[in-house]
Amino acid sequence: MSEPVIRHDWQLDEIEALFALPFNDLLFRAQQVHRQHFDPNEVQVSTLLSIKTGACPEDCGYCSQSARHDTGLERERLLPLEEVVAAAKAAREKGATRFCMGAAWRNPTDRNLERVIEMIQAVRALGMETCVTLGMLSAEQAVRLREAGLDYYNHNLDTSPEFYGNVITTRTFEDRIETLKHVREAGINVCAGGILGMGEAPRDRARMLQELANLPEHPQSVPINMLVQVEGTPLFGVDGIDPLEFVRNIAVARILMPKSQVRLSAGRTDMSDELQALCFLAGANSIFYGERLLTTDNPDADHDQRLFERLGLRAQAAPADEQKVCCGA
């Protein structure tokens, strides 16, 4: 198979044609693309920690942390630095190479940003990659995060522009695109994906992937989440996505964004080992490791290790420059 051309001009009918392929043909094509850019038996492992939980002013219909939803979640202050460092060390010992920190903010204040910068620098000193998700950013804030050494910034598109208003009304789809622009122009790696199973139509899933693939630069990390339904949120009780359709979305993401790490993210507690194996075959090569994803459950690390052993997978090693930091070189 020839080297795939990295495109940013995908048309919707082309993407829908990929979704319409027979399942085996789609996975075969995705696996071919995957092997051209990645070791097919290596998975990047990240751990996610909520550093500030609850009382978010946004109304995201899927989120337990919104102050507008009665989910019983207690509001918490920003974690102290020592707790974050302890969690990062524990994640590193379990094999994680990237430590992601999430705060339930619409956008960070400059004062809060200073505290997060301290966390970024402390985690990097452990030899780990860093990622944060803090809501919307200004161009100046993105530059400050880059100067602090931040590796990745997560800001998901969530869904298609057309379906977006059914899920969130307190910020626009264009607001999200603007934050990604600030992050990209500051020189920080972009982590952006979406959530499946929120009641969207198949065309919305194709449109979301089209928006991601047609960004000026493909996100370096593309998390594909299966909605975790939380009682008290507007999306609780919505019909979920068919598991094989979820796999198709992983495969199409891999084909559209050949060099991106496609992360199997939220919803893994509801996935069988067999379904996860199909996702890896379809081109997923990154997961979150650990028992919690912000406020929802995640498979425990021991279970993931056993699954890796059964599938012959291994965790990706830390980048060489970060291994030197870890070892004090």
C-alpha atoms as a PDB file:
ATOM      1  CA  MET A   1       0.000   0.000   0.000  1.00  0.00           C
ATOM      2  CA  SER A   2       1.403   3.404  -0.970  1.00  0.00           C
ATOM      3  CA  GLU A   3       2.075   6.080   1.622  1.00  0.00           C
ATOM      4  CA  PRO A   4      -1.294   7.752   2.382  1.00  0.00           C
ATOM      5  CA  VAL A   5      -1.534  11.418   1.520  1.00  0.00           C
ATOM      6  CA  ILE A   6      -2.218  13.582   4.572  1.00  0.00           C
ATOM      7  CA  ARG A   7      -5.351  15.446   3.595  1.00  0.00           C
ATOM      8  CA  HIS A   8      -7.261  18.376   5.044  1.00  0.00           C
ATOM      9  CA  ASP A   9      -9.942  18.563   2.370  1.00  0.00           C
ATOM     10  CA  TRP A  10     -12.145  15.555   3.098  1.00  0.00           C
ATOM     11  CA  GLN A  11     -15.650  15.789   1.660  1.00  0.00           C
ATOM     12  CA  LEU A  12     -18.607  14.458   3.613  1.00  0.00           C
ATOM     13  CA  ASP A  13     -19.619  12.002   0.904  1.00  0.00           C
ATOM     14  CA  GLU A  14     -16.106  10.500   0.956  1.00  0.00           C
ATOM     15  CA  ILE A  15     -16.284   9.965   4.709  1.00  0.00           C
ATOM     16  CA  GLU A  16     -19.767   8.484   4.542  1.00  0.00           C
ATOM     17  CA  ALA A  17     -18.509   6.110   1.846  1.00  0.00           C
ATOM     18  CA  LEU A  18     -15.860   4.863   4.296  1.00  0.00           C
ATOM     19  CA  PHE A  19     -18.540   4.237   6.905  1.00  0.00           C
ATOM     20  CA  ALA A  20     -20.560   2.307   4.330  1.00  0.00           C
ATOM     21  CA  LEU A  21     -17.752  -0.163   3.574  1.00  0.00           C
ATOM     22  CA  PRO A  22     -18.226  -3.780   4.678  1.00  0.00           C
ATOM     23  CA  PHE A  23     -16.913  -4.055   8.244  1.00  0.00           C
ATOM     24  CA  ASN A  24     -14.003  -6.330   7.355  1.00  0.00           C
ATOM     25  CA  ASP A  25     -12.934  -4.135   4.446  1.00  0.00           C
ATOM     26  CA  LEU A  26     -13.010  -1.009   6.603  1.00  0.00           C
ATOM     27  CA  LEU A  27     -10.913  -2.592   9.353  1.00  0.00           C
ATOM     28  CA  PHE A  28      -8.446  -4.014   6.842  1.00  0.00           C
ATOM     29  CA  ARG A  29      -7.946  -0.585   5.301  1.00  0.00           C
ATOM     30  CA  ALA A  30      -7.611   1.089   8.705  1.00  0.00           C
ATOM     31  CA  GLN A  31      -5.077  -1.520   9.855  1.00  0.00           C
ATOM     32  CA  GLN A  32      -3.016  -0.996   6.712  1.00  0.00           C
ATOM     33  CA  VAL A  33      -2.884   2.756   7.362  1.00  0.00           C
ATOM     34  CA  HIS A  34      -2.116   2.193  11.023  1.00  0.00           C
ATOM     35  CA  ARG A  35       0.866  -0.056  10.314  1.00  0.00           C
ATOM     36  CA  GLN A  36       2.421   2.537   8.020  1.00  0.00           C
ATOM     37  CA  HIS A  37       2.817   4.990  10.897  1.00  0.00           C
ATOM     38  CA  PHE A  38       2.754   3.028  14.149  1.00  0.00           C
ATOM     39  CA  ASP A  39       3.847  -0.197  15.769  1.00  0.00           C
ATOM     40  CA  PRO A  40       0.535  -2.136  15.703  1.00  0.00           C
ATOM     41  CA  ASN A  41       1.266  -3.783  19.062  1.00  0.00           C
ATOM     42  CA  GLU A  42       2.181  -0.649  20.997  1.00  0.00           C
ATOM     43  CA  VAL A  43      -0.293   1.508  22.932  1.00  0.00           C
ATOM     44  CA  GLN A  44       0.351   4.928  24.435  1.00  0.00           C
ATOM     45  CA  VAL A  45      -0.875   5.021  28.044  1.00  0.00           C
ATOM     46  CA  SER A  46      -2.159   8.157  29.751  1.00  0.00           C
ATOM     47  CA  THR A  47      -3.680   8.797  33.169  1.00  0.00           C
ATOM     48  CA  LEU A  48      -6.287  11.477  33.840  1.00  0.00           C
ATOM     49  CA  LEU A  49      -6.758  13.322  37.140  1.00  0.00           C
ATOM     50  CA  SER A  50      -9.474  15.821  38.025  1.00  0.00           C
ATOM     51  CA  ILE A  51      -7.576  18.661  39.674  1.00  0.00           C
ATOM     52  CA  LYS A  52     -10.690  20.772  40.227  1.00  0.00           C
ATOM     53  CA  THR A  53     -14.071  19.041  40.360  1.00  0.00           C
ATOM     54  CA  GLY A  54     -17.630  20.360  40.073  1.00  0.00           C
ATOM     55  CA  ALA A  55     -19.482  23.690  39.893  1.00  0.00           C
ATOM     56  CA  CYS A  56     -18.706  24.286  36.211  1.00  0.00           C
ATOM     57  CA  PRO A  57     -20.948  27.054  34.792  1.00  0.00           C
ATOM     58  CA  GLU A  58     -21.282  25.303  31.422  1.00  0.00           C
ATOM     59  CA  ASP A  59     -24.389  23.230  30.593  1.00  0.00           C
ATOM     60  CA  CYS A  60     -22.796  20.323  28.678  1.00  0.00           C
ATOM     61  CA  GLY A  61     -25.580  17.758  28.605  1.00  0.00           C
ATOM     62  CA  TYR A  62     -23.290  14.803  29.287  1.00  0.00           C
ATOM     63  CA  CYS A  63     -21.300  16.239  32.182  1.00  0.00           C
ATOM     64  CA  SER A  64     -21.721  15.440  35.871  1.00  0.00           C
ATOM     65  CA  GLN A  65     -19.659  18.500  36.793  1.00  0.00           C
ATOM     66  CA  SER A  66     -22.082  21.116  35.491  1.00  0.00           C
ATOM     67  CA  ALA A  67     -23.563  23.310  38.230  1.00  0.00           C
ATOM     68  CA  ARG A  68     -26.802  23.198  36.217  1.00  0.00           C
ATOM     69  CA  HIS A  69     -27.289  19.440  36.701  1.00  0.00           C
ATOM     70  CA  ASP A  70     -28.282  17.682  39.909  1.00  0.00           C
ATOM     71  CA  THR A  71     -25.898  14.718  39.912  1.00  0.00           C
ATOM     72  CA  GLY A  72     -24.931  14.712  43.589  1.00  0.00           C
ATOM     73  CA  LEU A  73     -21.335  15.618  42.765  1.00  0.00           C
ATOM     74  CA  GLU A  74     -19.654  17.648  45.489  1.00  0.00           C
ATOM     75  CA  ARG A  75     -17.789  20.794  44.516  1.00  0.00           C
ATOM     76  CA  GLU A  76     -14.067  20.607  45.269  1.00  0.00           C
ATOM     77  CA  ARG A  77     -11.273  23.152  45.333  1.00  0.00           C
ATOM     78  CA  LEU A  78      -8.204  22.989  43.117  1.00  0.00           C
ATOM     79  CA  LEU A  79      -6.017  20.161  44.393  1.00  0.00           C
ATOM     80  CA  PRO A  80      -2.805  21.067  46.203  1.00  0.00           C
ATOM     81  CA  LEU A  81       0.406  20.541  44.272  1.00  0.00           C
ATOM     82  CA  GLU A  82       1.655  17.698  46.461  1.00  0.00           C
ATOM     83  CA  GLU A  83      -1.490  15.613  45.790  1.00  0.00           C
ATOM     84  CA  VAL A  84      -1.096  16.069  42.048  1.00  0.00           C
ATOM     85  CA  VAL A  85       2.571  15.043  42.175  1.00  0.00           C
ATOM     86  CA  ALA A  86       1.725  11.962  44.260  1.00  0.00           C
ATOM     87  CA  ALA A  87      -0.948  10.928  41.733  1.00  0.00           C
ATOM     88  CA  ALA A  88       1.476  11.445  38.846  1.00  0.00           C
ATOM     89  CA  LYS A  89       4.119   9.299  40.525  1.00  0.00           C
ATOM     90  CA  ALA A  90       1.574   6.525  41.087  1.00  0.00           C
ATOM     91  CA  ALA A  91       0.509   6.730  37.430  1.00  0.00           C
ATOM     92  CA  ARG A  92       4.130   6.537  36.269  1.00  0.00           C
ATOM     93  CA  GLU A  93       4.707   3.436  38.410  1.00  0.00           C
ATOM     94  CA  LYS A  94       1.704   1.811  36.714  1.00  0.00           C
ATOM     95  CA  GLY A  95       3.213   2.469  33.281  1.00  0.00           C
ATOM     96  CA  ALA A  96       1.603   5.755  32.209  1.00  0.00           C
ATOM     97  CA  THR A  97       3.837   8.048  30.161  1.00  0.00           C
ATOM     98  CA  ARG A  98       1.436  10.999  29.922  1.00  0.00           C
ATOM     99  CA  PHE A  99      -0.342  12.657  32.835  1.00  0.00           C
ATOM    100  CA  CYS A 100      -3.489  14.605  32.022  1.00  0.00           C
ATOM    101  CA  MET A 101      -5.075  17.117  34.397  1.00  0.00           C
ATOM    102  CA  GLY A 102      -8.629  18.397  34.052  1.00  0.00           C
ATOM    103  CA  ALA A 103     -10.328  21.334  35.750  1.00  0.00           C
ATOM    104  CA  ALA A 104     -14.052  22.096  35.639  1.00  0.00           C
ATOM    105  CA  TRP A 105     -13.777  25.665  34.400  1.00  0.00           C
ATOM    106  CA  ARG A 106     -15.360  27.590  31.542  1.00  0.00           C
ATOM    107  CA  ASN A 107     -11.948  29.215  31.193  1.00  0.00           C
ATOM    108  CA  PRO A 108      -9.092  29.569  33.694  1.00  0.00           C
ATOM    109  CA  THR A 109      -8.316  32.811  35.452  1.00  0.00           C
ATOM    110  CA  ASP A 110      -4.722  33.991  35.230  1.00  0.00           C
ATOM    111  CA  ARG A 111      -4.310  33.223  38.945  1.00  0.00           C
ATOM    112  CA  ASN A 112      -5.554  29.666  38.507  1.00  0.00           C
ATOM    113  CA  LEU A 113      -3.366  29.281  35.448  1.00  0.00           C
ATOM    114  CA  GLU A 114      -0.297  30.043  37.562  1.00  0.00           C
ATOM    115  CA  ARG A 115      -1.164  27.165  39.895  1.00  0.00           C
ATOM    116  CA  VAL A 116      -1.704  24.800  36.978  1.00  0.00           C
ATOM    117  CA  ILE A 117       1.653  25.849  35.526  1.00  0.00           C
ATOM    118  CA  GLU A 118       3.300  24.758  38.791  1.00  0.00           C
ATOM    119  CA  MET A 119       1.645  21.357  38.359  1.00  0.00           C
ATOM    120  CA  ILE A 120       2.785  21.064  34.743  1.00  0.00           C
ATOM    121  CA  GLN A 121       6.371  21.804  35.678  1.00  0.00           C
ATOM    122  CA  ALA A 122       6.319  19.364  38.604  1.00  0.00           C
ATOM    123  CA  VAL A 123       4.891  16.530  36.471  1.00  0.00           C
ATOM    124  CA  ARG A 124       7.398  17.154  33.690  1.00  0.00           C
ATOM    125  CA  ALA A 125      10.160  16.924  36.286  1.00  0.00           C
ATOM    126  CA  LEU A 126       9.007  13.317  36.840  1.00  0.00           C
ATOM    127  CA  GLY A 127       9.789  12.507  33.203  1.00  0.00           C
ATOM    128  CA  MET A 128       6.182  12.409  32.020  1.00  0.00           C
ATOM    129  CA  GLU A 129       4.406  14.138  29.174  1.00  0.00           C
ATOM    130  CA  THR A 130       1.790  16.632  30.340  1.00  0.00           C
ATOM    131  CA  CYS A 131      -1.710  17.412  29.139  1.00  0.00           C
ATOM    132  CA  VAL A 132      -4.344  19.717  30.594  1.00  0.00           C
ATOM    133  CA  THR A 133      -7.968  20.486  29.838  1.00  0.00           C
ATOM    134  CA  LEU A 134      -9.071  23.766  31.387  1.00  0.00           C
ATOM    135  CA  GLY A 135     -11.833  25.025  29.088  1.00  0.00           C
ATOM    136  CA  MET A 136     -11.467  27.910  26.680  1.00  0.00           C
ATOM    137  CA  LEU A 137      -8.104  29.677  26.400  1.00  0.00           C
ATOM    138  CA  SER A 138      -6.994  33.058  25.165  1.00  0.00           C
ATOM    139  CA  ALA A 139      -4.008  33.268  22.829  1.00  0.00           C
ATOM    140  CA  GLU A 140      -1.929  34.726  25.653  1.00  0.00           C
ATOM    141  CA  GLN A 141      -2.814  31.886  28.033  1.00  0.00           C
ATOM    142  CA  ALA A 142      -1.886  29.302  25.423  1.00  0.00           C
ATOM    143  CA  VAL A 143       1.535  30.920  25.043  1.00  0.00           C
ATOM    144  CA  ARG A 144       2.053  30.875  28.821  1.00  0.00           C
ATOM    145  CA  LEU A 145       1.236  27.169  28.924  1.00  0.00           C
ATOM    146  CA  ARG A 146       3.692  26.465  26.117  1.00  0.00           C
ATOM    147  CA  GLU A 147       6.406  28.431  27.910  1.00  0.00           C
ATOM    148  CA  ALA A 148       5.713  26.288  30.999  1.00  0.00           C
ATOM    149  CA  GLY A 149       6.502  23.192  28.923  1.00  0.00           C
ATOM    150  CA  LEU A 150       2.971  21.861  28.362  1.00  0.00           C
ATOM    151  CA  ASP A 151       2.971  19.033  25.815  1.00  0.00           C
ATOM    152  CA  TYR A 152      -0.749  18.620  25.002  1.00  0.00           C
ATOM    153  CA  TYR A 153      -3.947  20.612  25.445  1.00  0.00           C
ATOM    154  CA  ASN A 154      -7.267  18.766  25.320  1.00  0.00           C
ATOM    155  CA  HIS A 155     -10.338  20.534  23.987  1.00  0.00           C
ATOM    156  CA  ASN A 156     -12.848  18.213  22.354  1.00  0.00           C
ATOM    157  CA  LEU A 157     -15.235  19.256  19.601  1.00  0.00           C
ATOM    158  CA  ASP A 158     -17.706  16.794  21.186  1.00  0.00           C
ATOM    159  CA  THR A 159     -19.975  16.402  18.137  1.00  0.00           C
ATOM    160  CA  SER A 160     -20.865  17.917  14.774  1.00  0.00           C
ATOM    161  CA  PRO A 161     -21.499  21.645  14.355  1.00  0.00           C
ATOM    162  CA  GLU A 162     -25.105  20.830  13.420  1.00  0.00           C
ATOM    163  CA  PHE A 163     -25.841  18.718  16.543  1.00  0.00           C
ATOM    164  CA  TYR A 164     -23.746  20.789  18.932  1.00  0.00           C
ATOM    165  CA  GLY A 165     -26.615  23.014  20.139  1.00  0.00           C
ATOM    166  CA  ASN A 166     -28.518  19.916  21.287  1.00  0.00           C
ATOM    167  CA  VAL A 167     -25.725  19.184  23.752  1.00  0.00           C
ATOM    168  CA  ILE A 168     -24.284  22.561  24.814  1.00  0.00           C
ATOM    169  CA  THR A 169     -25.719  26.088  24.734  1.00  0.00           C
ATOM    170  CA  THR A 170     -23.288  28.035  26.950  1.00  0.00           C
ATOM    171  CA  ARG A 171     -20.487  28.100  24.368  1.00  0.00           C
ATOM    172  CA  THR A 172     -20.468  27.668  20.630  1.00  0.00           C
ATOM    173  CA  PHE A 173     -18.779  25.219  18.324  1.00  0.00           C
ATOM    174  CA  GLU A 174     -16.789  28.164  16.958  1.00  0.00           C
ATOM    175  CA  ASP A 175     -15.541  28.913  20.500  1.00  0.00           C
ATOM    176  CA  ARG A 176     -13.987  25.457  20.561  1.00  0.00           C
ATOM    177  CA  ILE A 177     -12.387  25.916  17.151  1.00  0.00           C
ATOM    178  CA  GLU A 178     -10.914  29.230  18.323  1.00  0.00           C
ATOM    179  CA  THR A 179      -9.316  27.659  21.413  1.00  0.00           C
ATOM    180  CA  LEU A 180      -7.794  24.927  19.243  1.00  0.00           C
ATOM    181  CA  LYS A 181      -6.397  27.663  16.993  1.00  0.00           C
ATOM    182  CA  HIS A 182      -4.763  29.392  19.975  1.00  0.00           C
ATOM    183  CA  VAL A 183      -3.272  26.097  21.170  1.00  0.00           C
ATOM    184  CA  ARG A 184      -1.969  25.137  17.731  1.00  0.00           C
ATOM    185  CA  GLU A 185      -0.456  28.556  17.066  1.00  0.00           C
ATOM    186  CA  ALA A 186       1.267  28.517  20.464  1.00  0.00           C
ATOM    187  CA  GLY A 187       3.060  25.323  19.432  1.00  0.00           C
ATOM    188  CA  ILE A 188       1.277  22.956  21.837  1.00  0.00           C
ATOM    189  CA  ASN A 189       0.153  19.535  20.633  1.00  0.00           C
ATOM    190  CA  VAL A 190      -3.610  19.400  20.164  1.00  0.00           C
ATOM    191  CA  CYS A 191      -5.757  16.706  21.768  1.00  0.00           C
ATOM    192  CA  ALA A 192      -9.258  16.925  20.286  1.00  0.00           C
ATOM    193  CA  GLY A 193     -11.944  14.365  19.613  1.00  0.00           C
ATOM    194  CA  GLY A 194     -15.554  13.770  20.482  1.00  0.00           C
ATOM    195  CA  ILE A 195     -18.256  11.761  22.211  1.00  0.00           C
ATOM    196  CA  LEU A 196     -20.418   9.138  20.537  1.00  0.00           C
ATOM    197  CA  GLY A 197     -23.822   7.942  21.691  1.00  0.00           C
ATOM    198  CA  MET A 198     -25.411  11.284  22.638  1.00  0.00           C
ATOM    199  CA  GLY A 199     -28.399  10.803  20.339  1.00  0.00           C
ATOM    200  CA  GLU A 200     -26.592  12.105  17.264  1.00  0.00           C
ATOM    201  CA  ALA A 201     -27.226  10.737  13.770  1.00  0.00           C
ATOM    202  CA  PRO A 202     -24.593   8.812  11.796  1.00  0.00           C
ATOM    203  CA  ARG A 203     -24.054  11.901   9.621  1.00  0.00           C
ATOM    204  CA  ASP A 204     -23.163  13.897  12.762  1.00  0.00           C
ATOM    205  CA  ARG A 205     -20.395  11.419  13.561  1.00  0.00           C
ATOM    206  CA  ALA A 206     -19.047  11.743  10.036  1.00  0.00           C
ATOM    207  CA  ARG A 207     -19.241  15.547  10.264  1.00  0.00           C
ATOM    208  CA  MET A 208     -17.354  15.597  13.567  1.00  0.00           C
ATOM    209  CA  LEU A 209     -14.539  13.540  12.062  1.00  0.00           C
ATOM    210  CA  GLN A 210     -14.576  15.776   8.982  1.00  0.00           C
ATOM    211  CA  GLU A 211     -14.116  18.865  11.179  1.00  0.00           C
ATOM    212  CA  LEU A 212     -11.173  17.244  12.977  1.00  0.00           C
ATOM    213  CA  ALA A 213      -9.519  15.932   9.820  1.00  0.00           C
ATOM    214  CA  ASN A 214      -9.877  19.246   7.998  1.00  0.00           C
ATOM    215  CA  LEU A 215      -8.222  21.356  10.675  1.00  0.00           C
ATOM    216  CA  PRO A 216      -5.035  23.065   9.394  1.00  0.00           C
ATOM    217  CA  GLU A 217      -3.078  20.379  11.246  1.00  0.00           C
ATOM    218  CA  HIS A 218      -4.483  17.061  12.418  1.00  0.00           C
ATOM    219  CA  PRO A 219      -4.748  16.795  16.210  1.00  0.00           C
ATOM    220  CA  GLN A 220      -1.790  14.842  17.514  1.00  0.00           C
ATOM    221  CA  SER A 221      -4.194  12.978  19.810  1.00  0.00           C
ATOM    222  CA  VAL A 222      -7.819  12.140  18.962  1.00  0.00           C
ATOM    223  CA  PRO A 223      -9.874  10.784  21.873  1.00  0.00           C
ATOM    224  CA  ILE A 224     -12.993   8.895  20.824  1.00  0.00           C
ATOM    225  CA  ASN A 225     -15.354   8.637  23.801  1.00  0.00           C
ATOM    226  CA  MET A 226     -18.445   6.515  24.283  1.00  0.00           C
ATOM    227  CA  LEU A 227     -20.961   8.455  26.352  1.00  0.00           C
ATOM    228  CA  VAL A 228     -20.940   7.474  30.015  1.00  0.00           C
ATOM    229  CA  GLN A 229     -24.485   8.165  31.121  1.00  0.00           C
ATOM    230  CA  VAL A 230     -24.734   9.955  34.463  1.00  0.00           C
ATOM    231  CA  GLU A 231     -28.059  10.149  36.282  1.00  0.00           C
ATOM    232  CA  GLY A 232     -29.141  13.755  36.639  1.00  0.00           C
ATOM    233  CA  THR A 233     -27.678  14.901  33.320  1.00  0.00           C
ATOM    234  CA  PRO A 234     -29.961  15.704  30.344  1.00  0.00           C
ATOM    235  CA  LEU A 235     -28.466  12.861  28.298  1.00  0.00           C
ATOM    236  CA  PHE A 236     -29.176  10.183  30.895  1.00  0.00           C
ATOM    237  CA  GLY A 237     -31.343   7.504  29.265  1.00  0.00           C
ATOM    238  CA  VAL A 238     -30.510   8.400  25.658  1.00  0.00           C
ATOM    239  CA  ASP A 239     -30.163   5.469  23.272  1.00  0.00           C
ATOM    240  CA  GLY A 240     -26.523   4.417  23.052  1.00  0.00           C
ATOM    241  CA  ILE A 241     -24.409   3.679  20.003  1.00  0.00           C
ATOM    242  CA  ASP A 242     -24.140   0.191  18.538  1.00  0.00           C
ATOM    243  CA  PRO A 243     -20.742  -1.271  19.561  1.00  0.00           C
ATOM    244  CA  LEU A 244     -19.743  -2.197  16.012  1.00  0.00           C
ATOM    245  CA  GLU A 245     -20.671   1.304  14.863  1.00  0.00           C
ATOM    246  CA  PHE A 246     -18.319   2.613  17.551  1.00  0.00           C
ATOM    247  CA  VAL A 247     -15.527   0.489  16.058  1.00  0.00           C
ATOM    248  CA  ARG A 248     -16.305   1.926  12.623  1.00  0.00           C
ATOM    249  CA  ASN A 249     -15.728   5.423  14.005  1.00  0.00           C
ATOM    250  CA  ILE A 250     -12.313   4.383  15.322  1.00  0.00           C
ATOM    251  CA  ALA A 251     -11.411   2.948  11.920  1.00  0.00           C
ATOM    252  CA  VAL A 252     -12.560   6.011   9.975  1.00  0.00           C
ATOM    253  CA  ALA A 253     -10.678   8.310  12.368  1.00  0.00           C
ATOM    254  CA  ARG A 254      -7.528   6.266  11.737  1.00  0.00           C
ATOM    255  CA  ILE A 255      -7.927   6.538   7.954  1.00  0.00           C
ATOM    256  CA  LEU A 256      -8.656  10.276   7.977  1.00  0.00           C
ATOM    257  CA  MET A 257      -5.854  11.138  10.425  1.00  0.00           C
ATOM    258  CA  PRO A 258      -3.108   8.572   9.737  1.00  0.00           C
ATOM    259  CA  LYS A 259      -0.421  10.015  12.009  1.00  0.00           C
ATOM    260  CA  SER A 260      -2.630  10.904  14.989  1.00  0.00           C
ATOM    261  CA  GLN A 261      -2.819   8.801  18.116  1.00  0.00           C
ATOM    262  CA  VAL A 262      -6.429   7.641  18.311  1.00  0.00           C
ATOM    263  CA  ARG A 263      -7.376   7.211  21.932  1.00  0.00           C
ATOM    264  CA  LEU A 264      -9.958   4.764  23.208  1.00  0.00           C
ATOM    265  CA  SER A 265     -11.271   6.997  25.974  1.00  0.00           C
ATOM    266  CA  ALA A 266     -14.408   7.197  28.129  1.00  0.00           C
ATOM    267  CA  GLY A 267     -16.828   4.291  28.165  1.00  0.00           C
ATOM    268  CA  ARG A 268     -14.357   1.423  28.397  1.00  0.00           C
ATOM    269  CA  THR A 269     -16.019   0.112  31.554  1.00  0.00           C
ATOM    270  CA  ASP A 270     -19.028  -0.710  29.374  1.00  0.00           C
ATOM    271  CA  MET A 271     -16.921  -2.363  26.674  1.00  0.00           C
ATOM    272  CA  SER A 272     -16.081  -6.036  26.608  1.00  0.00           C
ATOM    273  CA  ASP A 273     -12.471  -7.065  26.128  1.00  0.00           C
ATOM    274  CA  GLU A 274     -13.480  -8.325  22.696  1.00  0.00           C
ATOM    275  CA  LEU A 275     -14.877  -4.924  21.704  1.00  0.00           C
ATOM    276  CA  GLN A 276     -11.707  -3.189  22.883  1.00  0.00           C
ATOM    277  CA  ALA A 277      -9.646  -5.676  20.879  1.00  0.00           C
ATOM    278  CA  LEU A 278     -11.602  -4.718  17.762  1.00  0.00           C
ATOM    279  CA  CYS A 279     -10.933  -1.040  18.502  1.00  0.00           C
ATOM    280  CA  PHE A 280      -7.187  -1.722  18.671  1.00  0.00           C
ATOM    281  CA  LEU A 281      -7.446  -3.613  15.390  1.00  0.00           C
ATOM    282  CA  ALA A 282      -9.291  -0.630  13.902  1.00  0.00           C
ATOM    283  CA  GLY A 283      -6.423   1.699  14.762  1.00  0.00           C
ATOM    284  CA  ALA A 284      -6.829   2.820  18.366  1.00  0.00           C
ATOM    285  CA  ASN A 285      -3.380   3.106  19.932  1.00  0.00           C
ATOM    286  CA  SER A 286      -3.864   5.111  23.099  1.00  0.00           C
ATOM    287  CA  ILE A 287      -5.901   4.603  26.276  1.00  0.00           C
ATOM    288  CA  PHE A 288      -6.514   6.162  29.653  1.00  0.00           C
ATOM    289  CA  TYR A 289      -5.125   4.006  32.438  1.00  0.00           C
ATOM    290  CA  GLY A 290      -6.453   4.156  35.988  1.00  0.00           C
ATOM    291  CA  GLU A 291      -9.687   3.729  37.884  1.00  0.00           C
ATOM    292  CA  ARG A 292     -11.183   7.197  37.266  1.00  0.00           C
ATOM    293  CA  LEU A 293     -11.733   9.536  34.319  1.00  0.00           C
ATOM    294  CA  LEU A 294     -12.416  12.873  35.989  1.00  0.00           C
ATOM    295  CA  THR A 295     -15.641  11.744  37.729  1.00  0.00           C
ATOM    296  CA  THR A 296     -16.556   8.479  35.984  1.00  0.00           C
ATOM    297  CA  ASP A 297     -15.195   4.973  36.368  1.00  0.00           C
ATOM    298  CA  ASN A 298     -12.479   3.468  34.194  1.00  0.00           C
ATOM    299  CA  PRO A 299     -11.120  -0.108  34.062  1.00  0.00           C
ATOM    300  CA  ASP A 300      -8.454  -0.653  36.711  1.00  0.00           C
ATOM    301  CA  ALA A 301      -4.838  -0.798  35.588  1.00  0.00           C
ATOM    302  CA  ASP A 302      -4.455  -4.477  36.518  1.00  0.00           C
ATOM    303  CA  HIS A 303      -7.319  -5.422  34.202  1.00  0.00           C
ATOM    304  CA  ASP A 304      -5.756  -3.402  31.393  1.00  0.00           C
ATOM    305  CA  GLN A 305      -2.417  -5.119  31.947  1.00  0.00           C
ATOM    306  CA  ARG A 306      -4.079  -8.518  31.666  1.00  0.00           C
ATOM    307  CA  LEU A 307      -5.856  -7.441  28.487  1.00  0.00           C
ATOM    308  CA  PHE A 308      -2.570  -6.217  27.017  1.00  0.00           C
ATOM    309  CA  GLU A 309      -0.989  -9.587  27.834  1.00  0.00           C
ATOM    310  CA  ARG A 310      -3.839 -11.486  26.168  1.00  0.00           C
ATOM    311  CA  LEU A 311      -3.564  -9.371  23.025  1.00  0.00           C
ATOM    312  CA  GLY A 312       0.233  -9.228  22.912  1.00  0.00           C
ATOM    313  CA  LEU A 313       0.186  -5.452  23.329  1.00  0.00           C
ATOM    314  CA  ARG A 314       2.721  -3.380  25.238  1.00  0.00           C
ATOM    315  CA  ALA A 315       2.701   0.111  26.655  1.00  0.00           C
ATOM    316  CA  GLN A 316       4.646   2.702  24.708  1.00  0.00           C
ATOM    317  CA  ALA A 317       7.866   3.785  26.390  1.00  0.00           C
ATOM    318  CA  ALA A 318       8.364   7.383  27.435  1.00  0.00           C
ATOM    319  CA  PRO A 319      10.096   9.557  24.792  1.00  0.00           C
ATOM    320  CA  ALA A 320      13.879   9.382  25.076  1.00  0.00           C
ATOM    321  CA  ASP A 321      14.322  12.961  26.260  1.00  0.00           C
ATOM    322  CA  GLU A 322      11.786  12.413  29.021  1.00  0.00           C
ATOM    323  CA  GLN A 323      13.416   9.166  30.081  1.00  0.00           C
ATOM    324  CA  LYS A 324      16.618  11.162  30.628  1.00  0.00           C
ATOM    325  CA  VAL A 325      14.738  13.576  32.893  1.00  0.00           C
ATOM    326  CA  CYS A 326      13.290  10.649  34.798  1.00  0.00           C
ATOM    327  CA  CYS A 327      16.694   9.152  35.290  1.00  0.00           C
ATOM    328  CA  GLY A 328      18.284  12.421  36.357  1.00  0.00           C
ATOM    329  CA  ALA A 329      20.484  12.772  33.240  1.00  0.00           C
END
